[in-house]
Amino acid sequence: MKQDEWFYLKLFTIIFVGICPYIIAISEWPLISLSSAWNTPLQPLFILMNAATSYFFFSIILWRIPAICLMLLTAFSVKFYPGIHDVLAIIFFLSTLRAMIIPERFLEYLWIYLFGGAITLSKAFGFRYGILIGEVVSITALCLYHLEILIYKQSLIKKRDKLSNN
């Protein structure tokens, strides 16, 4: 696949994944979490969102563990395998934190992601929809993080190509 095609595929994936949680949350309100979409007519959208994200993450070495966790937590529905699903979700969250911290770039999105995690934990304090809202915030942060990296890398490639053509 050509570099420009790869760029547009990743761009489309980021936009698609960034919009899906809002569609699911608004269309199926009130959900406790995005994983609850498994039990709604939007199940295919939930699966496509997670499959597209996993595919995209597999192309980045630091993001392979989150990719595996995301595919597995999609396969183990929260309805039938709540314990396995929750453990995989926690590992996903922690492994994405690691993948965001190691490059030491664009860390402002890490703070938004952590804020989403804090909102998710608010369910323990009685905020019924804390998990759903926290997940939407965290996914938005991940999408913005990857969008910034994608645009940054594309600008470096364009500069390199421009220099090599001179």
Foldseek 3Di string as FASTA:
>chain_A
DDPVVVLVLLVVLLVLLLCLLVCQVVVVPPDQALLSCCVPPCVVSSLVNLQSVLVVQCVPVLSNLLSVLSNVLNVQRCVRRVVSNVVSVVSNLVSVLVSQPVVVPPCVLVVQLVVLVVQLVCVVVPPRNSNSSSVSSNSNSVSVVVVVVSVVVVVVVVVVVVVVVD
